[in-house]
Amino acid sequence: MSGLTLAQASTILDTALKTAREKSFQPLTVAVLDAGGHLVAFKREDKSGILRFDIAFGKAWGALGMGLGSRTLFERAEKTPMFFTTLAAASGGRVVTNPGGVLIRDAGGDVIGAVGISGDTSDNDEICAIAGIEAAGLKADPGGSKK
């Protein structure tokens, strides 16, 4: 299993933000975490709201903590809200279950980190995360039943 490098995290950040600008999305905040949930790289575009870091981090951190892309967490939260209320309490409110938290897998399929993005719709946040991960030569795992 390989680890996530700063160079890969930088590519993910820059490509995610470039994708957002090309698509005229709202200003984004992007957090890239390693497999242990530690922040490797982060950028917040001008005019991105002050809560966006916490949301982006929470999307990535929750995906890592549960081992599932946040789209899966979102789908499951609709079906089992009591479990996710408990999960929120157990995590001190740090888990954000909206799409936009995408696991990063290496060529062997091992999880080496996660990207969380906040600023536009959850679907658009996820589009940018996937573009960044793929540009870094890694595999994006957003979760969800439509993988």
C-alpha atoms as a PDB file:
ATOM      1  CA  MET A   1       0.000   0.000   0.000  1.00  0.00           C
ATOM      2  CA  SER A   2       1.327   3.414  -0.953  1.00  0.00           C
ATOM      3  CA  GLY A   3       0.713   6.591   0.978  1.00  0.00           C
ATOM      4  CA  LEU A   4      -0.781   9.816  -0.285  1.00  0.00           C
ATOM      5  CA  THR A   5       1.945  12.313  -1.172  1.00  0.00           C
ATOM      6  CA  LEU A   6       1.834  16.077  -0.890  1.00  0.00           C
ATOM      7  CA  ALA A   7       2.384  16.277  -4.657  1.00  0.00           C
ATOM      8  CA  GLN A   8      -0.706  14.106  -5.263  1.00  0.00           C
ATOM      9  CA  ALA A   9      -2.742  16.137  -2.763  1.00  0.00           C
ATOM     10  CA  SER A  10      -1.662  19.362  -4.491  1.00  0.00           C
ATOM     11  CA  THR A  11      -2.728  17.988  -7.874  1.00  0.00           C
ATOM     12  CA  ILE A  12      -6.092  17.006  -6.401  1.00  0.00           C
ATOM     13  CA  LEU A  13      -6.614  20.499  -4.952  1.00  0.00           C
ATOM     14  CA  ASP A  14      -5.550  22.393  -8.035  1.00  0.00           C
ATOM     15  CA  THR A  15      -7.540  20.232 -10.454  1.00  0.00           C
ATOM     16  CA  ALA A  16     -10.663  20.333  -8.290  1.00  0.00           C
ATOM     17  CA  LEU A  17     -10.533  24.128  -8.193  1.00  0.00           C
ATOM     18  CA  LYS A  18      -9.733  24.387 -11.910  1.00  0.00           C
ATOM     19  CA  THR A  19     -12.727  22.163 -12.671  1.00  0.00           C
ATOM     20  CA  ALA A  20     -14.943  24.388 -10.540  1.00  0.00           C
ATOM     21  CA  ARG A  21     -13.813  27.524 -12.377  1.00  0.00           C
ATOM     22  CA  GLU A  22     -14.289  25.886 -15.804  1.00  0.00           C
ATOM     23  CA  LYS A  23     -17.849  24.949 -14.837  1.00  0.00           C
ATOM     24  CA  SER A  24     -18.611  28.297 -13.155  1.00  0.00           C
ATOM     25  CA  PHE A  25     -19.389  26.647  -9.813  1.00  0.00           C
ATOM     26  CA  GLN A  26     -19.584  28.622  -6.588  1.00  0.00           C
ATOM     27  CA  PRO A  27     -16.308  29.219  -4.678  1.00  0.00           C
ATOM     28  CA  LEU A  28     -15.058  25.978  -3.144  1.00  0.00           C
ATOM     29  CA  THR A  29     -13.132  24.803  -0.139  1.00  0.00           C
ATOM     30  CA  VAL A  30     -11.138  21.588  -0.602  1.00  0.00           C
ATOM     31  CA  ALA A  31      -9.566  19.413   2.103  1.00  0.00           C
ATOM     32  CA  VAL A  32      -7.365  16.398   1.338  1.00  0.00           C
ATOM     33  CA  LEU A  33      -6.759  13.930   4.182  1.00  0.00           C
ATOM     34  CA  ASP A  34      -4.441  10.945   4.438  1.00  0.00           C
ATOM     35  CA  ALA A  35      -5.686   7.481   5.438  1.00  0.00           C
ATOM     36  CA  GLY A  36      -5.301   8.372   9.123  1.00  0.00           C
ATOM     37  CA  GLY A  37      -7.595  11.383   8.791  1.00  0.00           C
ATOM     38  CA  HIS A  38      -4.799  13.947   8.972  1.00  0.00           C
ATOM     39  CA  LEU A  39      -4.960  17.059   6.816  1.00  0.00           C
ATOM     40  CA  VAL A  40      -2.396  16.896   3.994  1.00  0.00           C
ATOM     41  CA  ALA A  41      -3.483  19.924   1.963  1.00  0.00           C
ATOM     42  CA  PHE A  42      -6.232  22.513   1.963  1.00  0.00           C
ATOM     43  CA  LYS A  43      -7.362  25.482  -0.112  1.00  0.00           C
ATOM     44  CA  ARG A  44     -10.276  27.867   0.241  1.00  0.00           C
ATOM     45  CA  GLU A  45     -11.227  30.055  -2.678  1.00  0.00           C
ATOM     46  CA  ASP A  46     -11.973  33.719  -2.183  1.00  0.00           C
ATOM     47  CA  LYS A  47     -15.581  34.247  -1.089  1.00  0.00           C
ATOM     48  CA  SER A  48     -15.999  30.656   0.127  1.00  0.00           C
ATOM     49  CA  GLY A  49     -17.901  30.803   3.435  1.00  0.00           C
ATOM     50  CA  ILE A  50     -16.190  30.437   6.801  1.00  0.00           C
ATOM     51  CA  LEU A  51     -17.947  27.138   7.629  1.00  0.00           C
ATOM     52  CA  ARG A  52     -16.865  25.513   4.372  1.00  0.00           C
ATOM     53  CA  PHE A  53     -13.602  24.133   5.812  1.00  0.00           C
ATOM     54  CA  ASP A  54     -15.450  22.316   8.600  1.00  0.00           C
ATOM     55  CA  ILE A  55     -17.940  20.883   6.116  1.00  0.00           C
ATOM     56  CA  ALA A  56     -15.268  19.804   3.612  1.00  0.00           C
ATOM     57  CA  PHE A  57     -13.148  18.247   6.359  1.00  0.00           C
ATOM     58  CA  GLY A  58     -16.220  16.511   7.812  1.00  0.00           C
ATOM     59  CA  LYS A  59     -17.150  14.993   4.450  1.00  0.00           C
ATOM     60  CA  ALA A  60     -13.644  13.549   3.973  1.00  0.00           C
ATOM     61  CA  TRP A  61     -13.226  12.534   7.619  1.00  0.00           C
ATOM     62  CA  GLY A  62     -16.623  10.813   7.734  1.00  0.00           C
ATOM     63  CA  ALA A  63     -15.868   8.899   4.534  1.00  0.00           C
ATOM     64  CA  LEU A  64     -12.589   7.683   6.018  1.00  0.00           C
ATOM     65  CA  GLY A  65     -14.123   6.911   9.395  1.00  0.00           C
ATOM     66  CA  MET A  66     -16.857   4.759   7.916  1.00  0.00           C
ATOM     67  CA  GLY A  67     -14.819   3.426   4.974  1.00  0.00           C
ATOM     68  CA  LEU A  68     -17.519   4.595   2.548  1.00  0.00           C
ATOM     69  CA  GLY A  69     -17.831   7.535   0.198  1.00  0.00           C
ATOM     70  CA  SER A  70     -20.151  10.175   1.605  1.00  0.00           C
ATOM     71  CA  ARG A  71     -22.731   9.511  -1.127  1.00  0.00           C
ATOM     72  CA  THR A  72     -23.254   6.071   0.471  1.00  0.00           C
ATOM     73  CA  LEU A  73     -23.485   7.695   3.893  1.00  0.00           C
ATOM     74  CA  PHE A  74     -26.083  10.126   2.522  1.00  0.00           C
ATOM     75  CA  GLU A  75     -28.183   7.285   1.074  1.00  0.00           C
ATOM     76  CA  ARG A  76     -27.975   5.264   4.269  1.00  0.00           C
ATOM     77  CA  ALA A  77     -28.812   8.261   6.458  1.00  0.00           C
ATOM     78  CA  GLU A  78     -32.158   8.569   4.705  1.00  0.00           C
ATOM     79  CA  LYS A  79     -32.962   4.936   5.555  1.00  0.00           C
ATOM     80  CA  THR A  80     -31.544   4.770   9.096  1.00  0.00           C
ATOM     81  CA  PRO A  81     -31.630   8.269  10.578  1.00  0.00           C
ATOM     82  CA  MET A  82     -31.308   7.048  14.178  1.00  0.00           C
ATOM     83  CA  PHE A  83     -27.962   5.376  13.411  1.00  0.00           C
ATOM     84  CA  PHE A  84     -26.664   8.592  11.885  1.00  0.00           C
ATOM     85  CA  THR A  85     -27.869  10.617  14.858  1.00  0.00           C
ATOM     86  CA  THR A  86     -25.810   8.253  16.999  1.00  0.00           C
ATOM     87  CA  LEU A  87     -22.869   8.530  14.594  1.00  0.00           C
ATOM     88  CA  ALA A  88     -23.012  12.317  14.829  1.00  0.00           C
ATOM     89  CA  ALA A  89     -22.943  12.102  18.623  1.00  0.00           C
ATOM     90  CA  ALA A  90     -20.114   9.537  18.658  1.00  0.00           C
ATOM     91  CA  SER A  91     -17.993  11.681  16.325  1.00  0.00           C
ATOM     92  CA  GLY A  92     -18.609  14.917  18.170  1.00  0.00           C
ATOM     93  CA  GLY A  93     -20.584  16.178  15.188  1.00  0.00           C
ATOM     94  CA  ARG A  94     -17.597  15.914  12.835  1.00  0.00           C
ATOM     95  CA  VAL A  95     -19.147  13.508  10.299  1.00  0.00           C
ATOM     96  CA  VAL A  96     -20.863  15.226   7.357  1.00  0.00           C
ATOM     97  CA  THR A  97     -22.921  12.785   5.308  1.00  0.00           C
ATOM     98  CA  ASN A  98     -23.602  14.848   2.189  1.00  0.00           C
ATOM     99  CA  PRO A  99     -21.988  13.835  -1.117  1.00  0.00           C
ATOM    100  CA  GLY A 100     -18.641  15.473  -1.746  1.00  0.00           C
ATOM    101  CA  GLY A 101     -16.541  13.238   0.516  1.00  0.00           C
ATOM    102  CA  VAL A 102     -14.679  10.920  -1.854  1.00  0.00           C
ATOM    103  CA  LEU A 103     -12.307   8.137  -0.841  1.00  0.00           C
ATOM    104  CA  ILE A 104      -8.931   8.042  -2.598  1.00  0.00           C
ATOM    105  CA  ARG A 105      -7.776   4.565  -3.599  1.00  0.00           C
ATOM    106  CA  ASP A 106      -4.395   3.514  -4.956  1.00  0.00           C
ATOM    107  CA  ALA A 107      -3.902   1.164  -7.917  1.00  0.00           C
ATOM    108  CA  GLY A 108      -4.367  -1.845  -5.640  1.00  0.00           C
ATOM    109  CA  GLY A 109      -7.701  -0.555  -4.333  1.00  0.00           C
ATOM    110  CA  ASP A 110      -6.433   0.388  -0.860  1.00  0.00           C
ATOM    111  CA  VAL A 111      -7.771   3.582   0.721  1.00  0.00           C
ATOM    112  CA  ILE A 112      -4.939   6.098   1.024  1.00  0.00           C
ATOM    113  CA  GLY A 113      -7.009   9.160   1.889  1.00  0.00           C
ATOM    114  CA  ALA A 114     -10.115  11.176   1.122  1.00  0.00           C
ATOM    115  CA  VAL A 115     -11.113  14.498  -0.387  1.00  0.00           C
ATOM    116  CA  GLY A 116     -13.884  16.657   0.989  1.00  0.00           C
ATOM    117  CA  ILE A 117     -15.273  19.615  -0.909  1.00  0.00           C
ATOM    118  CA  SER A 118     -17.869  22.188   0.061  1.00  0.00           C
ATOM    119  CA  GLY A 119     -19.146  25.324  -1.627  1.00  0.00           C
ATOM    120  CA  ASP A 120     -21.553  24.398  -4.398  1.00  0.00           C
ATOM    121  CA  THR A 121     -24.208  21.689  -4.558  1.00  0.00           C
ATOM    122  CA  SER A 122     -23.077  18.348  -3.175  1.00  0.00           C
ATOM    123  CA  ASP A 123     -23.194  16.826  -6.661  1.00  0.00           C
ATOM    124  CA  ASN A 124     -20.948  19.572  -8.039  1.00  0.00           C
ATOM    125  CA  ASP A 125     -18.581  19.271  -5.070  1.00  0.00           C
ATOM    126  CA  GLU A 126     -18.292  15.558  -5.834  1.00  0.00           C
ATOM    127  CA  ILE A 127     -17.622  16.179  -9.560  1.00  0.00           C
ATOM    128  CA  CYS A 128     -14.646  18.355  -8.621  1.00  0.00           C
ATOM    129  CA  ALA A 129     -13.305  15.838  -6.094  1.00  0.00           C
ATOM    130  CA  ILE A 130     -13.428  13.024  -8.638  1.00  0.00           C
ATOM    131  CA  ALA A 131     -11.695  15.166 -11.290  1.00  0.00           C
ATOM    132  CA  GLY A 132      -8.900  15.992  -8.849  1.00  0.00           C
ATOM    133  CA  ILE A 133      -8.353  12.416  -7.731  1.00  0.00           C
ATOM    134  CA  GLU A 134      -8.284  11.099 -11.284  1.00  0.00           C
ATOM    135  CA  ALA A 135      -5.849  13.846 -12.365  1.00  0.00           C
ATOM    136  CA  ALA A 136      -3.484  12.608  -9.655  1.00  0.00           C
ATOM    137  CA  GLY A 137      -3.564   9.127 -11.231  1.00  0.00           C
ATOM    138  CA  LEU A 138      -5.595   7.647  -8.380  1.00  0.00           C
ATOM    139  CA  LYS A 139      -9.014   6.018  -8.123  1.00  0.00           C
ATOM    140  CA  ALA A 140     -12.010   7.995  -6.838  1.00  0.00           C
ATOM    141  CA  ASP A 141     -14.607   6.198  -4.728  1.00  0.00           C
ATOM    142  CA  PRO A 142     -17.557   8.527  -4.043  1.00  0.00           C
ATOM    143  CA  GLY A 143     -19.766   5.686  -2.872  1.00  0.00           C
ATOM    144  CA  GLY A 144     -23.410   5.459  -3.722  1.00  0.00           C
ATOM    145  CA  SER A 145     -25.558   2.867  -5.342  1.00  0.00           C
ATOM    146  CA  LYS A 146     -24.754   4.257  -8.831  1.00  0.00           C
ATOM    147  CA  LYS A 147     -20.950   3.906  -8.582  1.00  0.00           C
END
